[in-house]
Amino acid sequence: MAPTRKAANVNEKQTEVVESITALYTKSVERLAEAQKKTLDMALQQNADLTGAWKKIAQVVPGTPLPTVLDLVANTFGQFVDLQKGAIDLALEQSQKLAELASERIDSVSSATDAVKTMVQDTVERAAAAQKSAIDFSAAQTKTVFDTFKKQSGVAGTPVEAAAESLQRGFDTLVESQKNILTFASKRSA
C-alpha cells in the first residue's frame, strides 16, 4: 500500500505546483492588463489637455486648427483608447480561460475540443463586435466631415453638394455591407 500512497502524494504535489503556476500566470496577466489600461487613460488625459490648449491657441493665433477639427481628433483618440481596452479585455479573458483549462486537467479530448471551440467562437464574436464599433465610429466621423463640408459657404444648392451627398450615400452603403459581412462571418464560425 505504501507505493500507492506515495504516488498519490506525488500527484498531489504536482497538482499543487500546476495550480501555483497557473495562479501566478493569471495574476501577472491581470496586472499587465491593468497597467496597460492605466497607460491608455493617462494618454487620453494628455490628449484632452493638449486639445484644450490648442483650442485656446486657436482663439488668438490665425491659421491654427479649428475647434471642430480638434474635437474630431479628440473623439477619434477616445475611440482608439476604447478599442484598445476592449482588445486588452479580450486577451485577459482568453488567458483566464486557458488557465482554467490547465487547472481543470481535462480528461477527455472531446471536452478539451469543446472548450477550445467555445473560446474561439467567443473570440470571433468579440472581434466582429470590435470591428463593427470601429466601422460605426468611422461612419460617424465621415458623416461629420461631409456635413461640415456641406455647411461651408458656396456649397449649398450646388452640384458640389449633390456630389457630396452621393458620396455619403455610397459610403453608407459600404458601411452596411461591411457590417453584414462581419455578421455573416461571426455566424459562420459557430
Protein backbone atom coordinates (compact mmCIF):
# COMPACT_ATOMS: atom_id res chain seq x y z
CA MET A 1 0.00 0.00 0.00
CA ALA A 2 2.93 2.37 0.53
CA PRO A 3 3.71 2.79 -3.22
CA THR A 4 0.11 3.76 -3.97
CA ARG A 5 0.12 6.34 -1.21
CA LYS A 6 3.48 7.66 -2.39
CA ALA A 7 2.18 8.02 -5.97
CA ALA A 8 -0.91 9.85 -4.70
CA ASN A 9 1.31 12.19 -2.70
CA VAL A 10 3.43 12.93 -5.80
CA ASN A 11 0.28 13.63 -7.83
CA GLU A 12 -0.99 16.00 -5.14
CA LYS A 13 2.31 17.89 -5.16
CA GLN A 14 2.29 18.10 -8.95
CA THR A 15 -1.26 19.40 -8.86
CA GLU A 16 -0.26 21.97 -6.25
CA VAL A 17 2.66 23.14 -8.41
CA VAL A 18 0.41 23.45 -11.50
CA GLU A 19 -2.19 25.41 -9.54
CA SER A 20 0.50 27.69 -8.12
CA ILE A 21 1.99 28.42 -11.54
CA THR A 22 -1.47 28.94 -13.05
CA ALA A 23 -2.40 31.41 -10.31
CA LEU A 24 0.89 33.28 -10.80
CA TYR A 25 0.37 33.42 -14.56
CA THR A 26 -3.21 34.65 -14.23
CA LYS A 27 -2.30 37.35 -11.70
CA SER A 28 0.62 38.53 -13.86
CA VAL A 29 -1.60 38.85 -16.93
CA GLU A 30 -4.20 40.77 -14.88
CA ARG A 31 -1.52 43.17 -13.60
CA LEU A 32 -0.17 43.73 -17.10
CA ALA A 33 -3.68 44.42 -18.43
CA GLU A 34 -4.34 46.89 -15.62
CA ALA A 35 -1.02 48.68 -16.29
CA GLN A 36 -1.83 48.95 -20.00
CA LYS A 37 -5.28 50.38 -19.26
CA LYS A 38 -3.82 52.95 -16.85
CA THR A 39 -1.32 53.98 -19.52
CA LEU A 40 -4.15 54.41 -22.02
CA ASP A 41 -6.10 56.51 -19.50
CA MET A 42 -3.05 58.74 -18.99
CA ALA A 43 -2.62 59.14 -22.76
CA LEU A 44 -6.30 60.01 -23.09
CA GLN A 45 -5.98 62.66 -20.37
CA GLN A 46 -2.83 64.05 -22.03
CA ASN A 47 -4.70 64.23 -25.34
CA ALA A 48 -7.60 66.07 -23.68
CA ASP A 49 -5.18 68.57 -22.11
CA LEU A 50 -3.44 69.09 -25.45
CA THR A 51 -6.75 69.59 -27.26
CA GLY A 52 -7.82 72.15 -24.66
CA ALA A 53 -4.56 74.06 -25.07
CA TRP A 54 -4.91 74.08 -28.86
CA LYS A 55 -8.46 75.39 -28.59
CA LYS A 56 -7.17 78.32 -26.52
CA ILE A 57 -4.38 78.94 -29.03
CA ALA A 58 -6.90 78.81 -31.92
CA GLN A 59 -8.79 81.72 -30.38
CA VAL A 60 -5.83 84.08 -30.73
CA VAL A 61 -3.50 82.71 -33.40
CA PRO A 62 -4.69 82.74 -37.01
CA GLY A 63 -4.12 79.59 -39.08
CA THR A 64 -4.42 77.12 -36.21
CA PRO A 65 -6.78 74.14 -36.45
CA LEU A 66 -10.48 74.81 -35.98
CA PRO A 67 -12.06 73.68 -32.71
CA THR A 68 -14.32 71.26 -34.63
CA VAL A 69 -11.25 69.55 -36.12
CA LEU A 70 -9.71 69.36 -32.65
CA ASP A 71 -12.90 67.80 -31.31
CA LEU A 72 -12.82 65.28 -34.15
CA VAL A 73 -9.22 64.35 -33.28
CA ALA A 74 -10.06 64.06 -29.58
CA ASN A 75 -13.08 61.83 -30.30
CA THR A 76 -11.03 59.65 -32.62
CA PHE A 77 -8.36 59.18 -29.98
CA GLY A 78 -11.02 58.36 -27.38
CA GLN A 79 -12.47 55.69 -29.68
CA PHE A 80 -8.98 54.29 -30.22
CA VAL A 81 -8.48 54.02 -26.46
CA ASP A 82 -11.82 52.24 -26.07
CA LEU A 83 -10.92 49.74 -28.81
CA GLN A 84 -7.52 49.10 -27.22
CA LYS A 85 -9.13 48.48 -23.84
CA GLY A 86 -11.54 46.04 -25.47
CA ALA A 87 -8.61 44.18 -27.01
CA ILE A 88 -6.89 44.07 -23.62
CA ASP A 89 -10.05 42.69 -22.01
CA LEU A 90 -10.30 40.03 -24.71
CA ALA A 91 -6.68 38.96 -24.20
CA LEU A 92 -7.28 38.84 -20.45
CA GLU A 93 -10.38 36.68 -20.84
CA GLN A 94 -8.56 34.30 -23.17
CA SER A 95 -5.67 33.98 -20.73
CA GLN A 96 -8.07 33.23 -17.90
CA LYS A 97 -9.87 30.58 -19.96
CA LEU A 98 -6.58 28.93 -20.87
CA ALA A 99 -5.56 28.94 -17.23
CA GLU A 100 -8.90 27.35 -16.32
CA LEU A 101 -8.32 24.65 -18.91
CA ALA A 102 -4.89 23.92 -17.47
CA SER A 103 -6.13 23.78 -13.88
CA GLU A 104 -9.16 21.62 -14.68
CA ARG A 105 -6.93 18.92 -16.19
CA ILE A 106 -9.46 17.99 -18.80
CA ASP A 107 -9.70 14.20 -19.00
CA SER A 108 -11.07 13.77 -22.48
CA VAL A 109 -10.17 15.09 -25.87
CA SER A 110 -13.80 15.91 -26.72
CA SER A 111 -14.30 18.16 -23.70
CA ALA A 112 -10.99 19.90 -24.44
CA THR A 113 -12.08 20.39 -28.05
CA ASP A 114 -15.44 21.80 -26.93
CA ALA A 115 -13.72 24.23 -24.56
CA VAL A 116 -11.35 25.46 -27.28
CA LYS A 117 -14.22 25.73 -29.80
CA THR A 118 -16.21 27.88 -27.36
CA MET A 119 -13.18 30.09 -26.72
CA VAL A 120 -12.57 30.55 -30.46
CA GLN A 121 -16.25 31.38 -31.05
CA ASP A 122 -16.19 33.96 -28.26
CA THR A 123 -13.05 35.48 -29.76
CA VAL A 124 -14.59 35.71 -33.22
CA GLU A 125 -17.75 37.32 -31.84
CA ARG A 126 -15.76 39.87 -29.81
CA ALA A 127 -13.53 40.67 -32.78
CA ALA A 128 -16.58 41.17 -35.01
CA ALA A 129 -18.17 43.44 -32.40
CA ALA A 130 -14.96 45.48 -32.15
CA GLN A 131 -14.79 45.80 -35.94
CA LYS A 132 -18.44 46.90 -36.07
CA SER A 133 -17.72 49.50 -33.41
CA ALA A 134 -14.78 50.82 -35.43
CA ILE A 135 -16.92 50.89 -38.57
CA ASP A 136 -19.70 52.78 -36.76
CA PHE A 137 -17.21 55.30 -35.43
CA SER A 138 -15.64 55.77 -38.86
CA ALA A 139 -19.09 56.26 -40.39
CA ALA A 140 -19.97 58.90 -37.78
CA GLN A 141 -16.71 60.74 -38.34
CA THR A 142 -17.18 60.64 -42.11
CA LYS A 143 -20.73 61.98 -41.76
CA THR A 144 -19.39 64.83 -39.63
CA VAL A 145 -16.81 65.69 -42.30
CA PHE A 146 -19.43 65.62 -45.08
CA ASP A 147 -21.88 67.71 -43.04
CA THR A 148 -19.19 70.25 -42.18
CA PHE A 149 -18.16 70.46 -45.82
CA LYS A 150 -21.76 71.00 -46.99
CA LYS A 151 -22.24 73.84 -44.47
CA GLN A 152 -19.38 75.86 -45.94
CA SER A 153 -20.42 78.91 -47.90
CA GLY A 154 -20.96 78.39 -51.59
CA VAL A 155 -21.70 74.66 -51.34
CA ALA A 156 -25.42 74.57 -50.54
CA GLY A 157 -27.65 74.03 -53.58
CA THR A 158 -24.74 73.41 -55.95
CA PRO A 159 -23.66 70.32 -57.87
CA VAL A 160 -20.83 70.02 -55.33
CA GLU A 161 -23.39 69.47 -52.56
CA ALA A 162 -25.18 66.85 -54.68
CA ALA A 163 -21.87 65.08 -55.31
CA ALA A 164 -21.05 65.15 -51.57
CA GLU A 165 -24.46 63.66 -50.75
CA SER A 166 -23.95 60.94 -53.38
CA LEU A 167 -20.55 60.10 -51.91
CA GLN A 168 -22.10 59.98 -48.44
CA ARG A 169 -24.80 57.54 -49.61
CA GLY A 170 -22.15 55.36 -51.25
CA PHE A 171 -20.10 55.34 -48.06
CA ASP A 172 -23.19 54.45 -46.00
CA THR A 173 -23.87 51.51 -48.34
CA LEU A 174 -20.27 50.35 -47.98
CA VAL A 175 -20.53 50.55 -44.18
CA GLU A 176 -23.70 48.44 -44.14
CA SER A 177 -22.07 45.88 -46.44
CA GLN A 178 -19.07 45.60 -44.12
CA LYS A 179 -21.34 45.10 -41.12
CA ASN A 180 -23.29 42.38 -42.95
CA ILE A 181 -20.05 40.59 -43.86
CA LEU A 182 -18.92 40.68 -40.23
CA THR A 183 -22.28 39.36 -39.05
CA PHE A 184 -22.11 36.54 -41.59
CA ALA A 185 -18.50 35.69 -40.65
CA SER A 186 -19.24 35.55 -36.93
CA LYS A 187 -22.28 33.29 -37.51
CA ARG A 188 -20.33 31.11 -39.93
CA SER A 189 -17.62 30.36 -37.35
CA ALA A 190 -20.18 28.93 -34.95
